[in-house]
Amino acid sequence: MLKKCPTSGLLLTEDFIEDKTSLKKAIESVVEKAVNGLSQVEENYFLEIHAKFDQHNPSLFKVDAPRAYLQLPTFTSNQLVFWVSPKQGICELLWMVAPKKPGEKLHVEFNTEGVAYLQAKGAMAS
């Protein structure tokens, strides 16, 4: 049976919506723990996470330990990058890079509605 996904508005199977919701919660938990672990950092930074489904058991989702950078990291496969501004209390997704298939270029999806993107485009004051 199909249901309307609360985030995308697409009609999807209930199982897919549940998997998508649980995956989102797992990533949010990793990000929250990483940001809390870096609470002593006062300047803005980028948090990089590499995550992918296990190739032998697609029901398992593997997440590498997050890494913090003061400069933008380069695009790599299976990557999520967040911008964290401790002083402003902001932690937002900047981009996601899909898994790279042999012979294909990296596919990057940018969060075009976030504060950092809008500031970079000059639409908001820094």
PDB file of N, CA and C in Angstrom:
ATOM      1  N   MET A   1       0.840  -1.183   0.000  1.00  0.00           N
ATOM      2  CA  MET A   1       0.000   0.000   0.000  1.00  0.00           C
ATOM      3  C   MET A   1       0.889   1.252   0.000  1.00  0.00           C
ATOM      4  N   LEU A   2       0.508   2.241  -0.781  1.00  0.00           N
ATOM      5  CA  LEU A   2       1.279   3.467  -0.873  1.00  0.00           C
ATOM      6  C   LEU A   2       0.757   4.516   0.100  1.00  0.00           C
ATOM      7  N   LYS A   3       1.708   5.271   0.633  1.00  0.00           N
ATOM      8  CA  LYS A   3       1.386   6.393   1.519  1.00  0.00           C
ATOM      9  C   LYS A   3       2.153   7.606   1.037  1.00  0.00           C
ATOM     10  N   LYS A   4       1.675   8.764   1.426  1.00  0.00           N
ATOM     11  CA  LYS A   4       2.372  10.003   1.084  1.00  0.00           C
ATOM     12  C   LYS A   4       3.503  10.216   2.088  1.00  0.00           C
ATOM     13  N   CYS A   5       4.716  10.370   1.577  1.00  0.00           N
ATOM     14  CA  CYS A   5       5.879  10.612   2.431  1.00  0.00           C
ATOM     15  C   CYS A   5       5.747  12.009   3.044  1.00  0.00           C
ATOM     16  N   PRO A   6       5.896  12.122   4.366  1.00  0.00           N
ATOM     17  CA  PRO A   6       5.732  13.426   5.018  1.00  0.00           C
ATOM     18  C   PRO A   6       6.783  14.465   4.631  1.00  0.00           C
ATOM     19  N   THR A   7       7.968  14.030   4.193  1.00  0.00           N
ATOM     20  CA  THR A   7       9.001  15.004   3.837  1.00  0.00           C
ATOM     21  C   THR A   7       9.031  15.332   2.354  1.00  0.00           C
ATOM     22  N   SER A   8       8.868  14.332   1.502  1.00  0.00           N
ATOM     23  CA  SER A   8       8.979  14.581   0.058  1.00  0.00           C
ATOM     24  C   SER A   8       7.628  14.778  -0.619  1.00  0.00           C
ATOM     25  N   GLY A   9       6.564  14.274   0.006  1.00  0.00           N
ATOM     26  CA  GLY A   9       5.243  14.355  -0.619  1.00  0.00           C
ATOM     27  C   GLY A   9       5.011  13.278  -1.672  1.00  0.00           C
ATOM     28  N   LEU A  10       6.020  12.420  -1.912  1.00  0.00           N
ATOM     29  CA  LEU A  10       5.885  11.351  -2.902  1.00  0.00           C
ATOM     30  C   LEU A  10       5.054  10.203  -2.361  1.00  0.00           C
ATOM     31  N   LEU A  11       4.402   9.481  -3.242  1.00  0.00           N
ATOM     32  CA  LEU A  11       3.693   8.275  -2.843  1.00  0.00           C
ATOM     33  C   LEU A  11       4.694   7.128  -2.826  1.00  0.00           C
ATOM     34  N   LEU A  12       4.896   6.551  -1.648  1.00  0.00           N
ATOM     35  CA  LEU A  12       5.874   5.488  -1.466  1.00  0.00           C
ATOM     36  C   LEU A  12       5.270   4.380  -0.628  1.00  0.00           C
ATOM     37  N   THR A  13       5.909   3.202  -0.642  1.00  0.00           N
ATOM     38  CA  THR A  13       5.433   2.116   0.206  1.00  0.00           C
ATOM     39  C   THR A  13       5.705   2.463   1.669  1.00  0.00           C
ATOM     40  N   GLU A  14       4.895   1.932   2.556  1.00  0.00           N
ATOM     41  CA  GLU A  14       5.072   2.202   3.994  1.00  0.00           C
ATOM     42  C   GLU A  14       6.450   1.760   4.472  1.00  0.00           C
ATOM     43  N   ASP A  15       6.909   0.589   3.999  1.00  0.00           N
ATOM     44  CA  ASP A  15       8.226   0.086   4.408  1.00  0.00           C
ATOM     45  C   ASP A  15       9.333   1.049   4.000  1.00  0.00           C
ATOM     46  N   PHE A  16       9.237   1.591   2.788  1.00  0.00           N
ATOM     47  CA  PHE A  16      10.256   2.524   2.311  1.00  0.00           C
ATOM     48  C   PHE A  16      10.259   3.792   3.161  1.00  0.00           C
ATOM     49  N   ILE A  17       9.079   4.295   3.489  1.00  0.00           N
ATOM     50  CA  ILE A  17       8.975   5.496   4.325  1.00  0.00           C
ATOM     51  C   ILE A  17       9.569   5.235   5.699  1.00  0.00           C
ATOM     52  N   GLU A  18       9.287   4.064   6.268  1.00  0.00           N
ATOM     53  CA  GLU A  18       9.840   3.715   7.582  1.00  0.00           C
ATOM     54  C   GLU A  18      11.366   3.607   7.517  1.00  0.00           C
ATOM     55  N   ASP A  19      11.890   2.967   6.458  1.00  0.00           N
ATOM     56  CA  ASP A  19      13.347   2.847   6.303  1.00  0.00           C
ATOM     57  C   ASP A  19      13.986   4.219   6.157  1.00  0.00           C
ATOM     58  N   LYS A  20      13.359   5.074   5.352  1.00  0.00           N
ATOM     59  CA  LYS A  20      13.877   6.424   5.114  1.00  0.00           C
ATOM     60  C   LYS A  20      13.889   7.231   6.414  1.00  0.00           C
ATOM     61  N   THR A  21      12.820   7.114   7.204  1.00  0.00           N
ATOM     62  CA  THR A  21      12.721   7.824   8.479  1.00  0.00           C
ATOM     63  C   THR A  21      13.769   7.318   9.458  1.00  0.00           C
ATOM     64  N   SER A  22      13.956   6.013   9.507  1.00  0.00           N
ATOM     65  CA  SER A  22      14.935   5.450  10.436  1.00  0.00           C
ATOM     66  C   SER A  22      16.356   5.814  10.026  1.00  0.00           C
ATOM     67  N   LEU A  23      16.628   5.865   8.727  1.00  0.00           N
ATOM     68  CA  LEU A  23      17.932   6.273   8.232  1.00  0.00           C
ATOM     69  C   LEU A  23      18.202   7.730   8.591  1.00  0.00           C
ATOM     70  N   LYS A  24      17.219   8.579   8.416  1.00  0.00           N
ATOM     71  CA  LYS A  24      17.366   9.994   8.757  1.00  0.00           C
ATOM     72  C   LYS A  24      17.655  10.159  10.250  1.00  0.00           C
ATOM     73  N   LYS A  25      16.935   9.414  11.090  1.00  0.00           N
ATOM     74  CA  LYS A  25      17.159   9.491  12.540  1.00  0.00           C
ATOM     75  C   LYS A  25      18.559   9.017  12.909  1.00  0.00           C
ATOM     76  N   ALA A  26      19.047   7.968  12.234  1.00  0.00           N
ATOM     77  CA  ALA A  26      20.394   7.452  12.514  1.00  0.00           C
ATOM     78  C   ALA A  26      21.449   8.502  12.180  1.00  0.00           C
ATOM     79  N   ILE A  27      21.297   9.172  11.039  1.00  0.00           N
ATOM     80  CA  ILE A  27      22.257  10.210  10.646  1.00  0.00           C
ATOM     81  C   ILE A  27      22.177  11.395  11.598  1.00  0.00           C
ATOM     82  N   GLU A  28      20.960  11.803  11.953  1.00  0.00           N
ATOM     83  CA  GLU A  28      20.795  12.921  12.890  1.00  0.00           C
ATOM     84  C   GLU A  28      21.454  12.611  14.227  1.00  0.00           C
ATOM     85  N   SER A  29      21.363  11.370  14.672  1.00  0.00           N
ATOM     86  CA  SER A  29      21.975  10.962  15.941  1.00  0.00           C
ATOM     87  C   SER A  29      23.502  11.064  15.866  1.00  0.00           C
ATOM     88  N   VAL A  30      24.088  10.607  14.754  1.00  0.00           N
ATOM     89  CA  VAL A  30      25.543  10.687  14.579  1.00  0.00           C
ATOM     90  C   VAL A  30      25.991  12.143  14.563  1.00  0.00           C
ATOM     91  N   VAL A  31      25.257  12.980  13.838  1.00  0.00           N
ATOM     92  CA  VAL A  31      25.601  14.403  13.752  1.00  0.00           C
ATOM     93  C   VAL A  31      25.488  15.061  15.126  1.00  0.00           C
ATOM     94  N   GLU A  32      24.407  14.785  15.848  1.00  0.00           N
ATOM     95  CA  GLU A  32      24.213  15.384  17.171  1.00  0.00           C
ATOM     96  C   GLU A  32      25.341  14.998  18.132  1.00  0.00           C
ATOM     97  N   LYS A  33      25.721  13.723  18.133  1.00  0.00           N
ATOM     98  CA  LYS A  33      26.817  13.275  19.004  1.00  0.00           C
ATOM     99  C   LYS A  33      28.132  13.958  18.632  1.00  0.00           C
ATOM    100  N   ALA A  34      28.384  14.083  17.335  1.00  0.00           N
ATOM    101  CA  ALA A  34      29.628  14.722  16.882  1.00  0.00           C
ATOM    102  C   ALA A  34      29.664  16.195  17.274  1.00  0.00           C
ATOM    103  N   VAL A  35      28.558  16.910  17.058  1.00  0.00           N
ATOM    104  CA  VAL A  35      28.505  18.337  17.396  1.00  0.00           C
ATOM    105  C   VAL A  35      28.646  18.519  18.905  1.00  0.00           C
ATOM    106  N   ASN A  36      27.983  17.690  19.683  1.00  0.00           N
ATOM    107  CA  ASN A  36      28.112  17.768  21.144  1.00  0.00           C
ATOM    108  C   ASN A  36      29.540  17.453  21.583  1.00  0.00           C
ATOM    109  N   GLY A  37      30.191  16.525  20.905  1.00  0.00           N
ATOM    110  CA  GLY A  37      31.580  16.181  21.219  1.00  0.00           C
ATOM    111  C   GLY A  37      32.558  17.293  20.874  1.00  0.00           C
ATOM    112  N   LEU A  38      32.132  18.200  20.001  1.00  0.00           N
ATOM    113  CA  LEU A  38      32.987  19.327  19.597  1.00  0.00           C
ATOM    114  C   LEU A  38      32.494  20.633  20.219  1.00  0.00           C
ATOM    115  N   SER A  39      31.790  20.538  21.323  1.00  0.00           N
ATOM    116  CA  SER A  39      31.194  21.733  21.937  1.00  0.00           C
ATOM    117  C   SER A  39      32.230  22.772  22.374  1.00  0.00           C
ATOM    118  N   GLN A  40      33.486  22.362  22.537  1.00  0.00           N
ATOM    119  CA  GLN A  40      34.533  23.310  22.923  1.00  0.00           C
ATOM    120  C   GLN A  40      34.973  24.184  21.745  1.00  0.00           C
ATOM    121  N   VAL A  41      34.648  23.788  20.515  1.00  0.00           N
ATOM    122  CA  VAL A  41      35.027  24.561  19.324  1.00  0.00           C
ATOM    123  C   VAL A  41      34.094  25.756  19.205  1.00  0.00           C
ATOM    124  N   GLU A  42      34.677  26.943  19.077  1.00  0.00           N
ATOM    125  CA  GLU A  42      33.869  28.156  19.010  1.00  0.00           C
ATOM    126  C   GLU A  42      33.704  28.694  17.597  1.00  0.00           C
ATOM    127  N   GLU A  43      34.636  28.355  16.710  1.00  0.00           N
ATOM    128  CA  GLU A  43      34.542  28.885  15.346  1.00  0.00           C
ATOM    129  C   GLU A  43      33.708  27.950  14.461  1.00  0.00           C
ATOM    130  N   ASN A  44      33.237  28.488  13.344  1.00  0.00           N
ATOM    131  CA  ASN A  44      32.459  27.692  12.402  1.00  0.00           C
ATOM    132  C   ASN A  44      33.323  26.570  11.840  1.00  0.00           C
ATOM    133  N   TYR A  45      32.693  25.433  11.584  1.00  0.00           N
ATOM    134  CA  TYR A  45      33.426  24.310  11.004  1.00  0.00           C
ATOM    135  C   TYR A  45      32.494  23.467  10.139  1.00  0.00           C
ATOM    136  N   PHE A  46      33.105  22.546   9.406  1.00  0.00           N
ATOM    137  CA  PHE A  46      32.366  21.635   8.535  1.00  0.00           C
ATOM    138  C   PHE A  46      32.496  20.234   9.107  1.00  0.00           C
ATOM    139  N   LEU A  47      31.399  19.521   9.134  1.00  0.00           N
ATOM    140  CA  LEU A  47      31.373  18.159   9.649  1.00  0.00           C
ATOM    141  C   LEU A  47      31.108  17.228   8.472  1.00  0.00           C
ATOM    142  N   GLU A  48      32.035  16.304   8.255  1.00  0.00           N
ATOM    143  CA  GLU A  48      31.928  15.369   7.133  1.00  0.00           C
ATOM    144  C   GLU A  48      31.611  13.978   7.656  1.00  0.00           C
ATOM    145  N   ILE A  49      30.640  13.345   7.012  1.00  0.00           N
ATOM    146  CA  ILE A  49      30.260  11.978   7.374  1.00  0.00           C
ATOM    147  C   ILE A  49      30.235  11.150   6.096  1.00  0.00           C
ATOM    148  N   HIS A  50      30.791   9.965   6.168  1.00  0.00           N
ATOM    149  CA  HIS A  50      30.692   9.006   5.066  1.00  0.00           C
ATOM    150  C   HIS A  50      29.766   7.893   5.535  1.00  0.00           C
ATOM    151  N   ALA A  51      28.764   7.614   4.720  1.00  0.00           N
ATOM    152  CA  ALA A  51      27.781   6.612   5.091  1.00  0.00           C
ATOM    153  C   ALA A  51      27.355   5.825   3.852  1.00  0.00           C
ATOM    154  N   LYS A  52      27.106   4.536   4.048  1.00  0.00           N
ATOM    155  CA  LYS A  52      26.625   3.722   2.929  1.00  0.00           C
ATOM    156  C   LYS A  52      25.979   2.452   3.455  1.00  0.00           C
ATOM    157  N   PHE A  53      25.179   1.868   2.580  1.00  0.00           N
ATOM    158  CA  PHE A  53      24.568   0.586   2.902  1.00  0.00           C
ATOM    159  C   PHE A  53      25.598  -0.510   2.699  1.00  0.00           C
ATOM    160  N   ASP A  54      25.536  -1.534   3.545  1.00  0.00           N
ATOM    161  CA  ASP A  54      26.436  -2.674   3.441  1.00  0.00           C
ATOM    162  C   ASP A  54      26.121  -3.423   2.143  1.00  0.00           C
ATOM    163  N   GLN A  55      27.138  -3.721   1.344  1.00  0.00           N
ATOM    164  CA  GLN A  55      26.886  -4.372   0.054  1.00  0.00           C
ATOM    165  C   GLN A  55      26.420  -5.812   0.204  1.00  0.00           C
ATOM    166  N   HIS A  56      26.716  -6.454   1.333  1.00  0.00           N
ATOM    167  CA  HIS A  56      26.299  -7.834   1.552  1.00  0.00           C
ATOM    168  C   HIS A  56      24.969  -7.936   2.281  1.00  0.00           C
ATOM    169  N   ASN A  57      24.626  -6.902   3.032  1.00  0.00           N
ATOM    170  CA  ASN A  57      23.359  -6.880   3.758  1.00  0.00           C
ATOM    171  C   ASN A  57      22.766  -5.471   3.649  1.00  0.00           C
ATOM    172  N   PRO A  58      21.938  -5.228   2.619  1.00  0.00           N
ATOM    173  CA  PRO A  58      21.438  -3.878   2.380  1.00  0.00           C
ATOM    174  C   PRO A  58      20.560  -3.313   3.489  1.00  0.00           C
ATOM    175  N   SER A  59      20.229  -4.121   4.486  1.00  0.00           N
ATOM    176  CA  SER A  59      19.452  -3.580   5.604  1.00  0.00           C
ATOM    177  C   SER A  59      20.362  -2.925   6.644  1.00  0.00           C
ATOM    178  N   LEU A  60      21.691  -3.112   6.498  1.00  0.00           N
ATOM    179  CA  LEU A  60      22.659  -2.479   7.402  1.00  0.00           C
ATOM    180  C   LEU A  60      23.188  -1.192   6.789  1.00  0.00           C
ATOM    181  N   PHE A  61      23.278  -0.173   7.611  1.00  0.00           N
ATOM    182  CA  PHE A  61      23.763   1.125   7.179  1.00  0.00           C
ATOM    183  C   PHE A  61      25.019   1.434   7.976  1.00  0.00           C
ATOM    184  N   LYS A  62      26.134   1.638   7.306  1.00  0.00           N
ATOM    185  CA  LYS A  62      27.406   1.890   7.974  1.00  0.00           C
ATOM    186  C   LYS A  62      27.754   3.371   7.908  1.00  0.00           C
ATOM    187  N   VAL A  63      28.141   3.917   9.047  1.00  0.00           N
ATOM    188  CA  VAL A  63      28.532   5.321   9.126  1.00  0.00           C
ATOM    189  C   VAL A  63      29.935   5.387   9.726  1.00  0.00           C
ATOM    190  N   ASP A  64      30.866   6.011   8.986  1.00  0.00           N
ATOM    191  CA  ASP A  64      32.219   6.209   9.507  1.00  0.00           C
ATOM    192  C   ASP A  64      32.201   7.315  10.563  1.00  0.00           C
ATOM    193  N   ALA A  65      33.236   7.355  11.375  1.00  0.00           N
ATOM    194  CA  ALA A  65      33.353   8.416  12.379  1.00  0.00           C
ATOM    195  C   ALA A  65      33.385   9.777  11.692  1.00  0.00           C
ATOM    196  N   PRO A  66      32.586  10.723  12.167  1.00  0.00           N
ATOM    197  CA  PRO A  66      32.577  12.064  11.566  1.00  0.00           C
ATOM    198  C   PRO A  66      33.933  12.746  11.716  1.00  0.00           C
ATOM    199  N   ARG A  67      34.250  13.629  10.759  1.00  0.00           N
ATOM    200  CA  ARG A  67      35.485  14.407  10.806  1.00  0.00           C
ATOM    201  C   ARG A  67      35.132  15.882  10.688  1.00  0.00           C
ATOM    202  N   ALA A  68      35.810  16.702  11.475  1.00  0.00           N
ATOM    203  CA  ALA A  68      35.577  18.154  11.448  1.00  0.00           C
ATOM    204  C   ALA A  68      36.705  18.840  10.690  1.00  0.00           C
ATOM    205  N   TYR A  69      36.332  19.861   9.918  1.00  0.00           N
ATOM    206  CA  TYR A  69      37.284  20.643   9.129  1.00  0.00           C
ATOM    207  C   TYR A  69      36.980  22.127   9.305  1.00  0.00           C
ATOM    208  N   LEU A  70      38.023  22.947   9.251  1.00  0.00           N
ATOM    209  CA  LEU A  70      37.824  24.393   9.248  1.00  0.00           C
ATOM    210  C   LEU A  70      37.663  24.913   7.819  1.00  0.00           C
ATOM    211  N   GLN A  71      38.124  24.134   6.845  1.00  0.00           N
ATOM    212  CA  GLN A  71      37.984  24.470   5.421  1.00  0.00           C
ATOM    213  C   GLN A  71      37.024  23.460   4.792  1.00  0.00           C
ATOM    214  N   LEU A  72      36.385  23.860   3.704  1.00  0.00           N
ATOM    215  CA  LEU A  72      35.469  22.947   3.014  1.00  0.00           C
ATOM    216  C   LEU A  72      36.195  21.680   2.577  1.00  0.00           C
ATOM    217  N   PRO A  73      35.637  20.516   2.885  1.00  0.00           N
ATOM    218  CA  PRO A  73      36.243  19.283   2.372  1.00  0.00           C
ATOM    219  C   PRO A  73      35.913  19.118   0.887  1.00  0.00           C
ATOM    220  N   THR A  74      36.707  18.301   0.209  1.00  0.00           N
ATOM    221  CA  THR A  74      36.435  18.033  -1.205  1.00  0.00           C
ATOM    222  C   THR A  74      35.311  17.007  -1.327  1.00  0.00           C
ATOM    223  N   PHE A  75      34.680  16.969  -2.486  1.00  0.00           N
ATOM    224  CA  PHE A  75      33.602  16.007  -2.732  1.00  0.00           C
ATOM    225  C   PHE A  75      34.170  14.598  -2.799  1.00  0.00           C
ATOM    226  N   THR A  76      33.552  13.678  -2.082  1.00  0.00           N
ATOM    227  CA  THR A  76      33.877  12.260  -2.190  1.00  0.00           C
ATOM    228  C   THR A  76      32.589  11.459  -2.145  1.00  0.00           C
ATOM    229  N   SER A  77      32.628  10.274  -2.669  1.00  0.00           N
ATOM    230  CA  SER A  77      31.455   9.402  -2.743  1.00  0.00           C
ATOM    231  C   SER A  77      30.900   9.086  -1.351  1.00  0.00           C
ATOM    232  N   ASN A  78      29.593   8.928  -1.257  1.00  0.00           N
ATOM    233  CA  ASN A  78      28.896   8.559  -0.011  1.00  0.00           C
ATOM    234  C   ASN A  78      29.111   9.576   1.104  1.00  0.00           C
ATOM    235  N   GLN A  79      29.147  10.838   0.762  1.00  0.00           N
ATOM    236  CA  GLN A  79      29.504  11.884   1.719  1.00  0.00           C
ATOM    237  C   GLN A  79      28.307  12.773   2.048  1.00  0.00           C
ATOM    238  N   LEU A  80      28.234  13.159   3.313  1.00  0.00           N
ATOM    239  CA  LEU A  80      27.320  14.207   3.763  1.00  0.00           C
ATOM    240  C   LEU A  80      28.177  15.249   4.459  1.00  0.00           C
ATOM    241  N   VAL A  81      27.977  16.515   4.132  1.00  0.00           N
ATOM    242  CA  VAL A  81      28.746  17.586   4.759  1.00  0.00           C
ATOM    243  C   VAL A  81      27.776  18.581   5.385  1.00  0.00           C
ATOM    244  N   PHE A  82      28.025  18.879   6.652  1.00  0.00           N
ATOM    245  CA  PHE A  82      27.212  19.826   7.412  1.00  0.00           C
ATOM    246  C   PHE A  82      28.054  21.045   7.751  1.00  0.00           C
ATOM    247  N   TRP A  83      27.425  22.208   7.797  1.00  0.00           N
ATOM    248  CA  TRP A  83      28.064  23.434   8.255  1.00  0.00           C
ATOM    249  C   TRP A  83      27.578  23.674   9.675  1.00  0.00           C
ATOM    250  N   VAL A  84      28.512  23.891  10.593  1.00  0.00           N
ATOM    251  CA  VAL A  84      28.163  24.098  11.999  1.00  0.00           C
ATOM    252  C   VAL A  84      28.669  25.465  12.426  1.00  0.00           C
ATOM    253  N   SER A  85      27.762  26.259  12.974  1.00  0.00           N
ATOM    254  CA  SER A  85      28.110  27.573  13.519  1.00  0.00           C
ATOM    255  C   SER A  85      27.710  27.568  14.992  1.00  0.00           C
ATOM    256  N   PRO A  86      28.657  27.233  15.887  1.00  0.00           N
ATOM    257  CA  PRO A  86      28.338  27.138  17.313  1.00  0.00           C
ATOM    258  C   PRO A  86      27.759  28.428  17.894  1.00  0.00           C
ATOM    259  N   LYS A  87      28.295  29.576  17.490  1.00  0.00           N
ATOM    260  CA  LYS A  87      27.826  30.853  18.040  1.00  0.00           C
ATOM    261  C   LYS A  87      26.383  31.147  17.634  1.00  0.00           C
ATOM    262  N   GLN A  88      26.018  30.749  16.417  1.00  0.00           N
ATOM    263  CA  GLN A  88      24.655  30.991  15.938  1.00  0.00           C
ATOM    264  C   GLN A  88      23.716  29.828  16.243  1.00  0.00           C
ATOM    265  N   GLY A  89      24.271  28.713  16.723  1.00  0.00           N
ATOM    266  CA  GLY A  89      23.453  27.544  17.026  1.00  0.00           C
ATOM    267  C   GLY A  89      22.890  26.885  15.778  1.00  0.00           C
ATOM    268  N   ILE A  90      23.673  26.881  14.695  1.00  0.00           N
ATOM    269  CA  ILE A  90      23.216  26.317  13.427  1.00  0.00           C
ATOM    270  C   ILE A  90      24.044  25.088  13.079  1.00  0.00           C
ATOM    271  N   CYS A  91      23.356  24.051  12.669  1.00  0.00           N
ATOM    272  CA  CYS A  91      23.977  22.860  12.107  1.00  0.00           C
ATOM    273  C   CYS A  91      23.077  22.451  10.955  1.00  0.00           C
ATOM    274  N   GLU A  92      23.576  22.604   9.726  1.00  0.00           N
ATOM    275  CA  GLU A  92      22.721  22.280   8.582  1.00  0.00           C
ATOM    276  C   GLU A  92      23.490  21.529   7.515  1.00  0.00           C
ATOM    277  N   LEU A  93      22.759  20.707   6.809  1.00  0.00           N
ATOM    278  CA  LEU A  93      23.330  19.947   5.709  1.00  0.00           C
ATOM    279  C   LEU A  93      23.693  20.898   4.572  1.00  0.00           C
ATOM    280  N   LEU A  94      24.940  20.807   4.082  1.00  0.00           N
ATOM    281  CA  LEU A  94      25.362  21.595   2.919  1.00  0.00           C
ATOM    282  C   LEU A  94      25.158  20.812   1.636  1.00  0.00           C
ATOM    283  N   TRP A  95      25.669  19.565   1.624  1.00  0.00           N
ATOM    284  CA  TRP A  95      25.508  18.736   0.438  1.00  0.00           C
ATOM    285  C   TRP A  95      25.610  17.263   0.779  1.00  0.00           C
ATOM    286  N   MET A  96      25.117  16.471  -0.181  1.00  0.00           N
ATOM    287  CA  MET A  96      25.226  15.017  -0.136  1.00  0.00           C
ATOM    288  C   MET A  96      25.824  14.579  -1.464  1.00  0.00           C
ATOM    289  N   VAL A  97      26.710  13.590  -1.409  1.00  0.00           N
ATOM    290  CA  VAL A  97      27.274  13.016  -2.621  1.00  0.00           C
ATOM    291  C   VAL A  97      26.820  11.559  -2.676  1.00  0.00           C
ATOM    292  N   ALA A  98      26.165  11.224  -3.775  1.00  0.00           N
ATOM    293  CA  ALA A  98      25.652   9.858  -3.947  1.00  0.00           C
ATOM    294  C   ALA A  98      26.801   8.876  -4.151  1.00  0.00           C
ATOM    295  N   PRO A  99      26.522   7.586  -3.926  1.00  0.00           N
ATOM    296  CA  PRO A  99      27.558   6.583  -4.214  1.00  0.00           C
ATOM    297  C   PRO A  99      27.982   6.676  -5.677  1.00  0.00           C
ATOM    298  N   LYS A 100      29.280   6.584  -5.918  1.00  0.00           N
ATOM    299  CA  LYS A 100      29.803   6.683  -7.286  1.00  0.00           C
ATOM    300  C   LYS A 100      29.793   5.312  -7.936  1.00  0.00           C
ATOM    301  N   LYS A 101      29.227   5.277  -9.123  1.00  0.00           N
ATOM    302  CA  LYS A 101      29.228   4.031  -9.895  1.00  0.00           C
ATOM    303  C   LYS A 101      30.404   4.073 -10.867  1.00  0.00           C
ATOM    304  N   PRO A 102      30.988   2.922 -11.157  1.00  0.00           N
ATOM    305  CA  PRO A 102      32.143   2.896 -12.071  1.00  0.00           C
ATOM    306  C   PRO A 102      31.826   3.605 -13.396  1.00  0.00           C
ATOM    307  N   GLY A 103      32.748   4.463 -13.826  1.00  0.00           N
ATOM    308  CA  GLY A 103      32.592   5.161 -15.090  1.00  0.00           C
ATOM    309  C   GLY A 103      31.708   6.397 -15.036  1.00  0.00           C
ATOM    310  N   GLU A 104      31.135   6.701 -13.885  1.00  0.00           N
ATOM    311  CA  GLU A 104      30.258   7.870 -13.762  1.00  0.00           C
ATOM    312  C   GLU A 104      30.930   8.956 -12.937  1.00  0.00           C
ATOM    313  N   LYS A 105      30.484  10.191 -13.141  1.00  0.00           N
ATOM    314  CA  LYS A 105      30.964  11.311 -12.338  1.00  0.00           C
ATOM    315  C   LYS A 105      30.219  11.324 -11.009  1.00  0.00           C
ATOM    316  N   LEU A 106      30.794  12.006 -10.026  1.00  0.00           N
ATOM    317  CA  LEU A 106      30.113  12.166  -8.741  1.00  0.00           C
ATOM    318  C   LEU A 106      28.860  13.000  -8.924  1.00  0.00           C
ATOM    319  N   HIS A 107      27.804  12.619  -8.230  1.00  0.00           N
ATOM    320  CA  HIS A 107      26.555  13.384  -8.267  1.00  0.00           C
ATOM    321  C   HIS A 107      26.381  14.066  -6.910  1.00  0.00           C
ATOM    322  N   VAL A 108      26.381  15.404  -6.926  1.00  0.00           N
ATOM    323  CA  VAL A 108      26.283  16.187  -5.692  1.00  0.00           C
ATOM    324  C   VAL A 108      24.915  16.865  -5.628  1.00  0.00           C
ATOM    325  N   GLU A 109      24.261  16.724  -4.485  1.00  0.00           N
ATOM    326  CA  GLU A 109      22.995  17.426  -4.248  1.00  0.00           C
ATOM    327  C   GLU A 109      23.234  18.467  -3.167  1.00  0.00           C
ATOM    328  N   PHE A 110      23.011  19.735  -3.512  1.00  0.00           N
ATOM    329  CA  PHE A 110      23.221  20.828  -2.572  1.00  0.00           C
ATOM    330  C   PHE A 110      21.925  21.187  -1.853  1.00  0.00           C
ATOM    331  N   ASN A 111      22.043  21.586  -0.599  1.00  0.00           N
ATOM    332  CA  ASN A 111      20.914  22.120   0.155  1.00  0.00           C
ATOM    333  C   ASN A 111      20.820  23.599  -0.205  1.00  0.00           C
ATOM    334  N   THR A 112      19.950  23.913  -1.150  1.00  0.00           N
ATOM    335  CA  THR A 112      19.865  25.288  -1.659  1.00  0.00           C
ATOM    336  C   THR A 112      18.962  26.182  -0.813  1.00  0.00           C
ATOM    337  N   GLU A 113      18.440  25.647   0.279  1.00  0.00           N
ATOM    338  CA  GLU A 113      17.557  26.442   1.133  1.00  0.00           C
ATOM    339  C   GLU A 113      18.196  26.802   2.469  1.00  0.00           C
ATOM    340  N   GLY A 114      19.425  26.353   2.692  1.00  0.00           N
ATOM    341  CA  GLY A 114      20.073  26.584   3.979  1.00  0.00           C
ATOM    342  C   GLY A 114      20.732  27.952   4.089  1.00  0.00           C
ATOM    343  N   VAL A 115      21.001  28.348   5.310  1.00  0.00           N
ATOM    344  CA  VAL A 115      21.618  29.633   5.616  1.00  0.00           C
ATOM    345  C   VAL A 115      22.979  29.770   4.933  1.00  0.00           C
ATOM    346  N   ALA A 116      23.821  28.749   5.028  1.00  0.00           N
ATOM    347  CA  ALA A 116      25.178  28.827   4.469  1.00  0.00           C
ATOM    348  C   ALA A 116      25.131  29.013   2.952  1.00  0.00           C
ATOM    349  N   TYR A 117      24.265  28.297   2.273  1.00  0.00           N
ATOM    350  CA  TYR A 117      24.151  28.420   0.816  1.00  0.00           C
ATOM    351  C   TYR A 117      23.689  29.825   0.442  1.00  0.00           C
ATOM    352  N   LEU A 118      22.672  30.315   1.131  1.00  0.00           N
ATOM    353  CA  LEU A 118      22.135  31.644   0.832  1.00  0.00           C
ATOM    354  C   LEU A 118      23.172  32.734   1.106  1.00  0.00           C
ATOM    355  N   GLN A 119      23.965  32.573   2.168  1.00  0.00           N
ATOM    356  CA  GLN A 119      25.029  33.544   2.446  1.00  0.00           C
ATOM    357  C   GLN A 119      26.086  33.509   1.357  1.00  0.00           C
ATOM    358  N   ALA A 120      26.467  32.316   0.906  1.00  0.00           N
ATOM    359  CA  ALA A 120      27.473  32.193  -0.139  1.00  0.00           C
ATOM    360  C   ALA A 120      27.007  32.820  -1.445  1.00  0.00           C
ATOM    361  N   LYS A 121      25.704  32.786  -1.685  1.00  0.00           N
ATOM    362  CA  LYS A 121      25.150  33.370  -2.911  1.00  0.00           C
ATOM    363  C   LYS A 121      24.833  34.856  -2.748  1.00  0.00           C
ATOM    364  N   GLY A 122      25.082  35.401  -1.561  1.00  0.00           N
ATOM    365  CA  GLY A 122      24.852  36.819  -1.319  1.00  0.00           C
ATOM    366  C   GLY A 122      23.410  37.177  -1.017  1.00  0.00           C
ATOM    367  N   ALA A 123      22.585  36.179  -0.771  1.00  0.00           N
ATOM    368  CA  ALA A 123      21.170  36.432  -0.496  1.00  0.00           C
ATOM    369  C   ALA A 123      20.908  36.785   0.963  1.00  0.00           C
ATOM    370  N   MET A 124      21.895  36.540   1.834  1.00  0.00           N
ATOM    371  CA  MET A 124      21.753  36.846   3.263  1.00  0.00           C
ATOM    372  C   MET A 124      23.052  37.444   3.772  1.00  0.00           C
ATOM    373  N   ALA A 125      22.945  38.259   4.788  1.00  0.00           N
ATOM    374  CA  ALA A 125      24.154  38.795   5.421  1.00  0.00           C
ATOM    375  C   ALA A 125      24.885  37.680   6.147  1.00  0.00           C
ATOM    376  N   SER A 126      26.208  37.737   6.155  1.00  0.00           N
ATOM    377  CA  SER A 126      27.013  36.711   6.839  1.00  0.00           C
ATOM    378  C   SER A 126      26.993  36.899   8.330  1.00  0.00           C
TER     379      SER A 126
END
